[in-house]
PDB file of all heavy atoms in Angstrom:
ATOM      1  N   VAL A   1     151.799 116.509  72.095  1.00  0.00           N
ATOM      2  CA  VAL A   1     151.429 115.254  72.145  1.00  0.00           C
ATOM      3  C   VAL A   1     150.179 115.145  72.972  1.00  0.00           C
ATOM      4  O   VAL A   1     149.162 114.509  72.648  1.00  0.00           O
ATOM      5  CB  VAL A   1     152.551 114.273  72.789  1.00  0.00           C
ATOM      6  CG1 VAL A   1     152.069 112.925  72.986  1.00  0.00           C
ATOM      7  CG2 VAL A   1     153.745 114.279  71.812  1.00  0.00           C
ATOM      8  N   ALA A   2     150.181 115.696  74.164  1.00  0.00           N
ATOM      9  CA  ALA A   2     149.088 115.628  75.117  1.00  0.00           C
ATOM     10  C   ALA A   2     149.236 116.773  76.109  1.00  0.00           C
ATOM     11  O   ALA A   2     150.309 117.317  76.358  1.00  0.00           O
ATOM     12  CB  ALA A   2     149.049 114.354  75.836  1.00  0.00           C
ATOM     13  N   ALA A   3     148.084 117.284  76.679  1.00  0.00           N
ATOM     14  CA  ALA A   3     148.155 118.324  77.628  1.00  0.00           C
ATOM     15  C   ALA A   3     147.002 118.084  78.619  1.00  0.00           C
ATOM     16  O   ALA A   3     146.024 117.401  78.352  1.00  0.00           O
ATOM     17  CB  ALA A   3     147.897 119.701  76.972  1.00  0.00           C
ATOM     18  N   ILE A   4     147.297 118.643  79.874  1.00  0.00           N
ATOM     19  CA  ILE A   4     146.292 118.411  80.882  1.00  0.00           C
ATOM     20  C   ILE A   4     146.110 119.728  81.658  1.00  0.00           C
ATOM     21  O   ILE A   4     147.173 120.366  82.102  1.00  0.00           O
ATOM     22  CB  ILE A   4     146.577 117.203  81.878  1.00  0.00           C
ATOM     23  CG1 ILE A   4     145.448 117.008  82.838  1.00  0.00           C
ATOM     24  CG2 ILE A   4     147.962 117.421  82.455  1.00  0.00           C
ATOM     25  CD1 ILE A   4     145.571 115.693  83.576  1.00  0.00           C
ATOM     26  N   THR A   5     144.917 120.213  81.839  1.00  0.00           N
ATOM     27  CA  THR A   5     144.735 121.535  82.518  1.00  0.00           C
ATOM     28  C   THR A   5     144.825 121.407  83.967  1.00  0.00           C
ATOM     29  O   THR A   5     144.911 120.258  84.538  1.00  0.00           O
ATOM     30  CB  THR A   5     143.362 122.122  82.174  1.00  0.00           C
ATOM     31  OG1 THR A   5     142.351 121.313  82.784  1.00  0.00           O
ATOM     32  CG2 THR A   5     143.186 122.139  80.656  1.00  0.00           C
ATOM     33  N   SER A   6     144.792 122.481  84.769  1.00  0.00           N
ATOM     34  CA  SER A   6     144.833 122.431  86.211  1.00  0.00           C
ATOM     35  C   SER A   6     143.689 121.779  86.678  1.00  0.00           C
ATOM     36  O   SER A   6     143.689 121.148  87.807  1.00  0.00           O
ATOM     37  CB  SER A   6     144.926 123.838  86.699  1.00  0.00           C
ATOM     38  OG  SER A   6     143.853 124.697  86.295  1.00  0.00           O
ATOM     39  N   ALA A   7     142.615 121.715  85.950  1.00  0.00           N
ATOM     40  CA  ALA A   7     141.294 121.035  86.389  1.00  0.00           C
ATOM     41  C   ALA A   7     141.345 119.578  86.083  1.00  0.00           C
ATOM     42  O   ALA A   7     140.416 118.872  86.444  1.00  0.00           O
ATOM     43  CB  ALA A   7     140.082 121.722  85.820  1.00  0.00           C
ATOM     44  N   GLY A   8     142.305 119.140  85.272  1.00  0.00           N
ATOM     45  CA  GLY A   8     142.454 117.780  84.991  1.00  0.00           C
ATOM     46  C   GLY A   8     141.802 117.368  83.588  1.00  0.00           C
ATOM     47  O   GLY A   8     141.744 116.175  83.254  1.00  0.00           O
ATOM     48  N   SER A   9     141.494 118.336  82.846  1.00  0.00           N
ATOM     49  CA  SER A   9     140.934 118.006  81.511  1.00  0.00           C
ATOM     50  C   SER A   9     142.071 117.712  80.569  1.00  0.00           C
ATOM     51  O   SER A   9     143.088 118.540  80.447  1.00  0.00           O
ATOM     52  CB  SER A   9     140.121 119.209  81.054  1.00  0.00           C
ATOM     53  OG  SER A   9     139.610 119.057  79.746  1.00  0.00           O
ATOM     54  N   ALA A  10     141.940 116.607  79.777  1.00  0.00           N
ATOM     55  CA  ALA A  10     143.117 116.277  79.017  1.00  0.00           C
ATOM     56  C   ALA A  10     142.758 116.290  77.479  1.00  0.00           C
ATOM     57  O   ALA A  10     141.618 116.175  77.118  1.00  0.00           O
ATOM     58  CB  ALA A  10     143.634 114.843  79.303  1.00  0.00           C
ATOM     59  N   ASP A  11     143.830 116.496  76.678  1.00  0.00           N
ATOM     60  CA  ASP A  11     143.639 116.506  75.290  1.00  0.00           C
ATOM     61  C   ASP A  11     144.856 115.829  74.663  1.00  0.00           C
ATOM     62  O   ASP A  11     145.927 115.906  75.219  1.00  0.00           O
ATOM     63  CB  ASP A  11     143.528 117.955  74.688  1.00  0.00           C
ATOM     64  CG  ASP A  11     143.007 118.038  73.302  1.00  0.00           C
ATOM     65  OD1 ASP A  11     142.416 117.030  72.800  1.00  0.00           O
ATOM     66  OD2 ASP A  11     143.226 119.091  72.653  1.00  0.00           O
ATOM     67  N   TYR A  12     144.641 115.186  73.469  1.00  0.00           N
ATOM     68  CA  TYR A  12     145.691 114.385  72.857  1.00  0.00           C
ATOM     69  C   TYR A  12     145.782 114.692  71.429  1.00  0.00           C
ATOM     70  O   TYR A  12     144.749 114.988  70.678  1.00  0.00           O
ATOM     71  CB  TYR A  12     145.335 112.988  73.051  1.00  0.00           C
ATOM     72  CG  TYR A  12     145.289 112.543  74.482  1.00  0.00           C
ATOM     73  CD1 TYR A  12     144.114 112.476  75.185  1.00  0.00           C
ATOM     74  CD2 TYR A  12     146.467 112.056  75.081  1.00  0.00           C
ATOM     75  CE1 TYR A  12     144.066 112.102  76.461  1.00  0.00           C
ATOM     76  CE2 TYR A  12     146.392 111.636  76.422  1.00  0.00           C
ATOM     77  CZ  TYR A  12     145.199 111.609  77.099  1.00  0.00           C
ATOM     78  OH  TYR A  12     145.188 111.189  78.431  1.00  0.00           O
ATOM     79  N   GLN A  13     146.933 114.549  70.798  1.00  0.00           N
ATOM     80  CA  GLN A  13     147.155 114.480  69.410  1.00  0.00           C
ATOM     81  C   GLN A  13     146.418 113.270  68.900  1.00  0.00           C
ATOM     82  O   GLN A  13     146.461 112.169  69.502  1.00  0.00           O
ATOM     83  CB  GLN A  13     148.668 114.421  69.115  1.00  0.00           C
ATOM     84  CG  GLN A  13     148.942 114.372  67.578  1.00  0.00           C
ATOM     85  CD  GLN A  13     150.460 114.159  67.391  1.00  0.00           C
ATOM     86  OE1 GLN A  13     150.749 113.007  67.017  1.00  0.00           O
ATOM     87  NE2 GLN A  13     151.284 115.037  67.729  1.00  0.00           N
ATOM     88  N   ASP A  14     145.829 113.331  67.637  1.00  0.00           N
ATOM     89  CA  ASP A  14     145.097 112.161  67.144  1.00  0.00           C
ATOM     90  C   ASP A  14     145.980 110.909  67.012  1.00  0.00           C
ATOM     91  O   ASP A  14     145.410 109.835  67.364  1.00  0.00           O
ATOM     92  CB  ASP A  14     144.544 112.565  65.817  1.00  0.00           C
ATOM     93  CG  ASP A  14     143.390 113.501  65.780  1.00  0.00           C
ATOM     94  OD1 ASP A  14     142.784 113.665  66.986  1.00  0.00           O
ATOM     95  OD2 ASP A  14     143.022 113.996  64.741  1.00  0.00           O
ATOM     96  N   SER A  15     147.185 111.004  66.779  1.00  0.00           N
ATOM     97  CA  SER A  15     147.934 109.878  66.450  1.00  0.00           C
ATOM     98  C   SER A  15     148.325 109.051  67.805  1.00  0.00           C
ATOM     99  O   SER A  15     148.730 107.888  67.743  1.00  0.00           O
ATOM    100  CB  SER A  15     149.289 110.197  65.848  1.00  0.00           C
ATOM    101  OG  SER A  15     150.128 110.928  66.708  1.00  0.00           O
ATOM    102  N   VAL A  16     148.035 109.642  68.947  1.00  0.00           N
ATOM    103  CA  VAL A  16     148.334 108.987  70.199  1.00  0.00           C
ATOM    104  C   VAL A  16     147.052 108.606  70.961  1.00  0.00           C
ATOM    105  O   VAL A  16     147.171 107.955  72.073  1.00  0.00           O
ATOM    106  CB  VAL A  16     149.322 109.744  71.024  1.00  0.00           C
ATOM    107  CG1 VAL A  16     150.573 110.154  70.323  1.00  0.00           C
ATOM    108  CG2 VAL A  16     148.593 110.962  71.655  1.00  0.00           C
ATOM    109  N   LYS A  17     145.933 109.039  70.491  1.00  0.00           N
ATOM    110  CA  LYS A  17     144.684 108.777  71.236  1.00  0.00           C
ATOM    111  C   LYS A  17     144.490 107.281  71.392  1.00  0.00           C
ATOM    112  O   LYS A  17     144.654 106.537  70.431  1.00  0.00           O
ATOM    113  CB  LYS A  17     143.523 109.449  70.464  1.00  0.00           C
ATOM    114  CG  LYS A  17     143.449 110.934  70.733  1.00  0.00           C
ATOM    115  CD  LYS A  17     142.153 111.474  69.918  1.00  0.00           C
ATOM    116  CE  LYS A  17     142.109 112.965  70.132  1.00  0.00           C
ATOM    117  NZ  LYS A  17     140.996 113.587  69.357  1.00  0.00           N
ATOM    118  N   GLY A  18     144.189 106.858  72.604  1.00  0.00           N
ATOM    119  CA  GLY A  18     143.952 105.432  72.774  1.00  0.00           C
ATOM    120  C   GLY A  18     145.248 104.702  73.157  1.00  0.00           C
ATOM    121  O   GLY A  18     145.163 103.553  73.574  1.00  0.00           O
ATOM    122  N   ARG A  19     146.307 105.356  72.958  1.00  0.00           N
ATOM    123  CA  ARG A  19     147.648 104.719  73.364  1.00  0.00           C
ATOM    124  C   ARG A  19     148.386 105.451  74.429  1.00  0.00           C
ATOM    125  O   ARG A  19     149.103 104.734  75.241  1.00  0.00           O
ATOM    126  CB  ARG A  19     148.581 104.698  72.121  1.00  0.00           C
ATOM    127  CG  ARG A  19     148.076 103.876  70.900  1.00  0.00           C
ATOM    128  CD  ARG A  19     149.083 103.821  69.795  1.00  0.00           C
ATOM    129  NE  ARG A  19     149.573 105.089  69.272  1.00  0.00           N
ATOM    130  CZ  ARG A  19     150.862 105.450  69.300  1.00  0.00           C
ATOM    131  NH1 ARG A  19     151.788 104.631  69.763  1.00  0.00           N
ATOM    132  NH2 ARG A  19     151.184 106.652  68.738  1.00  0.00           N
ATOM    133  N   PHE A  20     148.225 106.681  74.483  1.00  0.00           N
ATOM    134  CA  PHE A  20     148.943 107.506  75.554  1.00  0.00           C
ATOM    135  C   PHE A  20     147.935 108.117  76.559  1.00  0.00           C
ATOM    136  O   PHE A  20     146.758 108.375  76.152  1.00  0.00           O
ATOM    137  CB  PHE A  20     149.658 108.716  74.857  1.00  0.00           C
ATOM    138  CG  PHE A  20     150.856 108.295  74.054  1.00  0.00           C
ATOM    139  CD1 PHE A  20     151.156 107.087  73.669  1.00  0.00           C
ATOM    140  CD2 PHE A  20     151.688 109.394  73.620  1.00  0.00           C
ATOM    141  CE1 PHE A  20     152.250 106.743  72.952  1.00  0.00           C
ATOM    142  CE2 PHE A  20     152.780 109.041  72.823  1.00  0.00           C
ATOM    143  CZ  PHE A  20     153.098 107.781  72.441  1.00  0.00           C
ATOM    144  N   THR A  21     148.371 108.168  77.759  1.00  0.00           N
ATOM    145  CA  THR A  21     147.506 108.793  78.789  1.00  0.00           C
ATOM    146  C   THR A  21     148.355 109.820  79.624  1.00  0.00           C
ATOM    147  O   THR A  21     149.385 109.427  80.097  1.00  0.00           O
ATOM    148  CB  THR A  21     146.945 107.751  79.773  1.00  0.00           C
ATOM    149  OG1 THR A  21     146.194 106.770  79.027  1.00  0.00           O
ATOM    150  CG2 THR A  21     146.085 108.420  80.833  1.00  0.00           C
ATOM    151  N   ILE A  22     147.855 110.998  79.694  1.00  0.00           N
ATOM    152  CA  ILE A  22     148.495 112.012  80.534  1.00  0.00           C
ATOM    153  C   ILE A  22     147.676 112.130  81.801  1.00  0.00           C
ATOM    154  O   ILE A  22     146.517 112.072  81.772  1.00  0.00           O
ATOM    155  CB  ILE A  22     148.560 113.422  79.733  1.00  0.00           C
ATOM    156  CG1 ILE A  22     149.419 114.321  80.486  1.00  0.00           C
ATOM    157  CG2 ILE A  22     147.200 113.965  79.512  1.00  0.00           C
ATOM    158  CD1 ILE A  22     149.746 115.642  79.828  1.00  0.00           C
ATOM    159  N   SER A  23     148.469 112.316  82.916  1.00  0.00           N
ATOM    160  CA  SER A  23     147.921 112.408  84.202  1.00  0.00           C
ATOM    161  C   SER A  23     148.790 113.397  85.050  1.00  0.00           C
ATOM    162  O   SER A  23     149.907 113.638  84.666  1.00  0.00           O
ATOM    163  CB  SER A  23     147.703 111.082  84.870  1.00  0.00           C
ATOM    164  OG  SER A  23     148.997 110.462  85.056  1.00  0.00           O
ATOM    165  N   ARG A  24     148.211 113.824  86.162  1.00  0.00           N
ATOM    166  CA  ARG A  24     149.055 114.605  87.043  1.00  0.00           C
ATOM    167  C   ARG A  24     148.732 114.364  88.500  1.00  0.00           C
ATOM    168  O   ARG A  24     147.628 113.893  88.813  1.00  0.00           O
ATOM    169  CB  ARG A  24     148.680 116.198  86.709  1.00  0.00           C
ATOM    170  CG  ARG A  24     147.287 116.602  86.976  1.00  0.00           C
ATOM    171  CD  ARG A  24     147.090 118.041  86.484  1.00  0.00           C
ATOM    172  NE  ARG A  24     147.835 119.019  87.117  1.00  0.00           N
ATOM    173  CZ  ARG A  24     148.152 120.229  86.574  1.00  0.00           C
ATOM    174  NH1 ARG A  24     147.716 120.500  85.394  1.00  0.00           N
ATOM    175  NH2 ARG A  24     148.879 121.056  87.273  1.00  0.00           N
ATOM    176  N   ASP A  25     149.729 114.574  89.248  1.00  0.00           N
ATOM    177  CA  ASP A  25     149.680 114.403  90.733  1.00  0.00           C
ATOM    178  C   ASP A  25     150.106 115.713  91.354  1.00  0.00           C
ATOM    179  O   ASP A  25     151.268 116.012  91.515  1.00  0.00           O
ATOM    180  CB  ASP A  25     150.531 113.241  91.271  1.00  0.00           C
ATOM    181  CG  ASP A  25     150.326 112.929  92.700  1.00  0.00           C
ATOM    182  OD1 ASP A  25     149.867 113.859  93.441  1.00  0.00           O
ATOM    183  OD2 ASP A  25     150.545 111.836  93.182  1.00  0.00           O
ATOM    184  N   ASN A  26     149.132 116.533  91.715  1.00  0.00           N
ATOM    185  CA  ASN A  26     149.447 117.857  92.232  1.00  0.00           C
ATOM    186  C   ASN A  26     150.190 117.746  93.623  1.00  0.00           C
ATOM    187  O   ASN A  26     150.951 118.687  93.909  1.00  0.00           O
ATOM    188  CB  ASN A  26     148.176 118.666  92.400  1.00  0.00           C
ATOM    189  CG  ASN A  26     147.606 119.143  91.068  1.00  0.00           C
ATOM    190  OD1 ASN A  26     148.279 119.129  90.083  1.00  0.00           O
ATOM    191  ND2 ASN A  26     146.313 119.449  91.076  1.00  0.00           N
ATOM    192  N   ALA A  27     149.963 116.726  94.351  1.00  0.00           N
ATOM    193  CA  ALA A  27     150.653 116.616  95.615  1.00  0.00           C
ATOM    194  C   ALA A  27     152.138 116.339  95.382  1.00  0.00           C
ATOM    195  O   ALA A  27     153.022 116.621  96.166  1.00  0.00           O
ATOM    196  CB  ALA A  27     150.046 115.572  96.382  1.00  0.00           C
ATOM    197  N   LYS A  28     152.468 115.796  94.262  1.00  0.00           N
ATOM    198  CA  LYS A  28     153.882 115.411  93.946  1.00  0.00           C
ATOM    199  C   LYS A  28     154.494 116.459  92.899  1.00  0.00           C
ATOM    200  O   LYS A  28     155.705 116.286  92.413  1.00  0.00           O
ATOM    201  CB  LYS A  28     154.025 114.058  93.414  1.00  0.00           C
ATOM    202  CG  LYS A  28     153.672 113.006  94.500  1.00  0.00           C
ATOM    203  CD  LYS A  28     153.858 111.525  93.901  1.00  0.00           C
ATOM    204  CE  LYS A  28     153.540 110.489  94.889  1.00  0.00           C
ATOM    205  NZ  LYS A  28     153.713 109.168  94.444  1.00  0.00           N
ATOM    206  N   ASN A  29     153.702 117.433  92.544  1.00  0.00           N
ATOM    207  CA  ASN A  29     154.096 118.409  91.507  1.00  0.00           C
ATOM    208  C   ASN A  29     154.696 117.672  90.215  1.00  0.00           C
ATOM    209  O   ASN A  29     155.519 118.214  89.562  1.00  0.00           O
ATOM    210  CB  ASN A  29     155.291 119.276  92.086  1.00  0.00           C
ATOM    211  CG  ASN A  29     154.877 120.232  93.167  1.00  0.00           C
ATOM    212  OD1 ASN A  29     153.628 120.261  93.434  1.00  0.00           O
ATOM    213  ND2 ASN A  29     155.830 120.922  93.690  1.00  0.00           N
ATOM    214  N   THR A  30     153.948 116.636  89.805  1.00  0.00           N
ATOM    215  CA  THR A  30     154.416 115.880  88.720  1.00  0.00           C
ATOM    216  C   THR A  30     153.378 115.500  87.758  1.00  0.00           C
ATOM    217  O   THR A  30     152.186 115.294  88.152  1.00  0.00           O
ATOM    218  CB  THR A  30     155.020 114.491  89.282  1.00  0.00           C
ATOM    219  OG1 THR A  30     156.074 114.760  90.218  1.00  0.00           O
ATOM    220  CG2 THR A  30     155.503 113.597  88.224  1.00  0.00           C
ATOM    221  N   VAL A  31     153.738 115.564  86.386  1.00  0.00           N
ATOM    222  CA  VAL A  31     152.922 115.170  85.389  1.00  0.00           C
ATOM    223  C   VAL A  31     153.489 113.882  84.738  1.00  0.00           C
ATOM    224  O   VAL A  31     154.664 113.757  84.661  1.00  0.00           O
ATOM    225  CB  VAL A  31     152.662 116.183  84.361  1.00  0.00           C
ATOM    226  CG1 VAL A  31     153.935 116.703  83.682  1.00  0.00           C
ATOM    227  CG2 VAL A  31     151.618 115.861  83.252  1.00  0.00           C
ATOM    228  N   TYR A  32     152.608 112.973  84.339  1.00  0.00           N
ATOM    229  CA  TYR A  32     152.988 111.732  83.737  1.00  0.00           C
ATOM    230  C   TYR A  32     152.466 111.588  82.326  1.00  0.00           C
ATOM    231  O   TYR A  32     151.471 112.108  81.940  1.00  0.00           O
ATOM    232  CB  TYR A  32     152.534 110.472  84.560  1.00  0.00           C
ATOM    233  CG  TYR A  32     152.927 110.603  86.052  1.00  0.00           C
ATOM    234  CD1 TYR A  32     152.033 111.131  86.948  1.00  0.00           C
ATOM    235  CD2 TYR A  32     154.168 110.147  86.441  1.00  0.00           C
ATOM    236  CE1 TYR A  32     152.424 111.156  88.308  1.00  0.00           C
ATOM    237  CE2 TYR A  32     154.448 110.191  87.734  1.00  0.00           C
ATOM    238  CZ  TYR A  32     153.651 110.751  88.657  1.00  0.00           C
ATOM    239  OH  TYR A  32     154.020 110.768  90.029  1.00  0.00           O
ATOM    240  N   LEU A  33     153.280 110.803  81.538  1.00  0.00           N
ATOM    241  CA  LEU A  33     152.705 110.357  80.264  1.00  0.00           C
ATOM    242  C   LEU A  33     152.930 108.915  80.027  1.00  0.00           C
ATOM    243  O   LEU A  33     154.118 108.424  79.994  1.00  0.00           O
ATOM    244  CB  LEU A  33     153.459 111.167  79.041  1.00  0.00           C
ATOM    245  CG  LEU A  33     152.882 110.783  77.688  1.00  0.00           C
ATOM    246  CD1 LEU A  33     151.513 111.418  77.523  1.00  0.00           C
ATOM    247  CD2 LEU A  33     153.803 111.442  76.553  1.00  0.00           C
ATOM    248  N   GLN A  34     151.846 108.176  80.186  1.00  0.00           N
ATOM    249  CA  GLN A  34     151.940 106.725  79.964  1.00  0.00           C
ATOM    250  C   GLN A  34     151.773 106.377  78.484  1.00  0.00           C
ATOM    251  O   GLN A  34     150.848 106.849  77.844  1.00  0.00           O
ATOM    252  CB  GLN A  34     150.842 106.051  80.831  1.00  0.00           C
ATOM    253  CG  GLN A  34     150.825 104.547  80.620  1.00  0.00           C
ATOM    254  CD  GLN A  34     152.018 103.774  81.246  1.00  0.00           C
ATOM    255  OE1 GLN A  34     152.452 104.087  82.261  1.00  0.00           O
ATOM    256  NE2 GLN A  34     152.601 102.858  80.454  1.00  0.00           N
ATOM    257  N   MET A  35     152.761 105.728  77.961  1.00  0.00           N
ATOM    258  CA  MET A  35     152.750 105.487  76.533  1.00  0.00           C
ATOM    259  C   MET A  35     152.785 104.006  76.317  1.00  0.00           C
ATOM    260  O   MET A  35     153.735 103.355  76.711  1.00  0.00           O
ATOM    261  CB  MET A  35     154.067 106.196  75.873  1.00  0.00           C
ATOM    262  CG  MET A  35     154.172 107.546  76.130  1.00  0.00           C
ATOM    263  SD  MET A  35     155.608 108.290  75.237  1.00  0.00           S
ATOM    264  CE  MET A  35     156.980 107.517  76.101  1.00  0.00           C
ATOM    265  N   ASN A  36     151.774 103.526  75.647  1.00  0.00           N
ATOM    266  CA  ASN A  36     151.559 102.131  75.318  1.00  0.00           C
ATOM    267  C   ASN A  36     151.510 101.892  73.785  1.00  0.00           C
ATOM    268  O   ASN A  36     151.360 102.829  73.063  1.00  0.00           O
ATOM    269  CB  ASN A  36     150.220 101.597  75.945  1.00  0.00           C
ATOM    270  CG  ASN A  36     150.216 101.675  77.443  1.00  0.00           C
ATOM    271  OD1 ASN A  36     151.336 101.629  78.085  1.00  0.00           O
ATOM    272  ND2 ASN A  36     149.079 101.901  77.994  1.00  0.00           N
ATOM    273  N   SER A  37     151.748 100.707  73.387  1.00  0.00           N
ATOM    274  CA  SER A  37     151.694 100.380  71.996  1.00  0.00           C
ATOM    275  C   SER A  37     152.593 101.281  71.151  1.00  0.00           C
ATOM    276  O   SER A  37     152.179 101.764  70.189  1.00  0.00           O
ATOM    277  CB  SER A  37     150.241 100.349  71.402  1.00  0.00           C
ATOM    278  OG  SER A  37     149.404  99.493  72.177  1.00  0.00           O
ATOM    279  N   LEU A  38     153.788 101.403  71.611  1.00  0.00           N
ATOM    280  CA  LEU A  38     154.686 102.427  70.941  1.00  0.00           C
ATOM    281  C   LEU A  38     155.147 101.814  69.595  1.00  0.00           C
ATOM    282  O   LEU A  38     155.291 100.545  69.385  1.00  0.00           O
ATOM    283  CB  LEU A  38     155.890 102.598  71.835  1.00  0.00           C
ATOM    284  CG  LEU A  38     155.728 103.464  73.056  1.00  0.00           C
ATOM    285  CD1 LEU A  38     156.723 103.328  74.102  1.00  0.00           C
ATOM    286  CD2 LEU A  38     155.633 105.002  72.600  1.00  0.00           C
ATOM    287  N   ASN A  39     155.383 102.700  68.719  1.00  0.00           N
ATOM    288  CA  ASN A  39     155.861 102.357  67.391  1.00  0.00           C
ATOM    289  C   ASN A  39     156.994 103.280  66.922  1.00  0.00           C
ATOM    290  O   ASN A  39     157.242 104.231  67.626  1.00  0.00           O
ATOM    291  CB  ASN A  39     154.732 102.307  66.331  1.00  0.00           C
ATOM    292  CG  ASN A  39     153.977 103.719  66.157  1.00  0.00           C
ATOM    293  OD1 ASN A  39     154.602 104.722  65.947  1.00  0.00           O
ATOM    294  ND2 ASN A  39     152.587 103.709  66.479  1.00  0.00           N
ATOM    295  N   ALA A  40     157.603 103.010  65.922  1.00  0.00           N
ATOM    296  CA  ALA A  40     158.825 103.738  65.366  1.00  0.00           C
ATOM    297  C   ALA A  40     158.530 105.151  65.278  1.00  0.00           C
ATOM    298  O   ALA A  40     159.324 106.046  65.512  1.00  0.00           O
ATOM    299  CB  ALA A  40     159.301 103.147  64.180  1.00  0.00           C
ATOM    300  N   GLU A  41     157.273 105.526  64.863  1.00  0.00           N
ATOM    301  CA  GLU A  41     156.921 106.960  64.605  1.00  0.00           C
ATOM    302  C   GLU A  41     156.859 107.771  65.980  1.00  0.00           C
ATOM    303  O   GLU A  41     156.737 108.916  65.933  1.00  0.00           O
ATOM    304  CB  GLU A  41     155.545 107.124  63.989  1.00  0.00           C
ATOM    305  CG  GLU A  41     155.641 106.630  62.395  1.00  0.00           C
ATOM    306  CD  GLU A  41     155.817 105.190  62.212  1.00  0.00           C
ATOM    307  OE1 GLU A  41     155.284 104.351  62.984  1.00  0.00           O
ATOM    308  OE2 GLU A  41     156.599 104.793  61.292  1.00  0.00           O
ATOM    309  N   ASP A  42     156.890 107.096  67.071  1.00  0.00           N
ATOM    310  CA  ASP A  42     156.871 107.764  68.372  1.00  0.00           C
ATOM    311  C   ASP A  42     158.327 108.122  68.738  1.00  0.00           C
ATOM    312  O   ASP A  42     158.457 108.785  69.881  1.00  0.00           O
ATOM    313  CB  ASP A  42     156.177 106.859  69.502  1.00  0.00           C
ATOM    314  CG  ASP A  42     154.774 106.524  69.162  1.00  0.00           C
ATOM    315  OD1 ASP A  42     154.042 107.469  68.738  1.00  0.00           O
ATOM    316  OD2 ASP A  42     154.403 105.459  69.343  1.00  0.00           O
TER     317      ASP A  42
END
């Protein structure tokens, strides 16, 4: 669906571009996926 490198570079599957956002917080050892405008195909 989405990936983010250690340097913070992100890439997305075409079907989620503009709707999903991947991010990371290295201080919290956590990666997030914000998903908006969800539809049944998700």
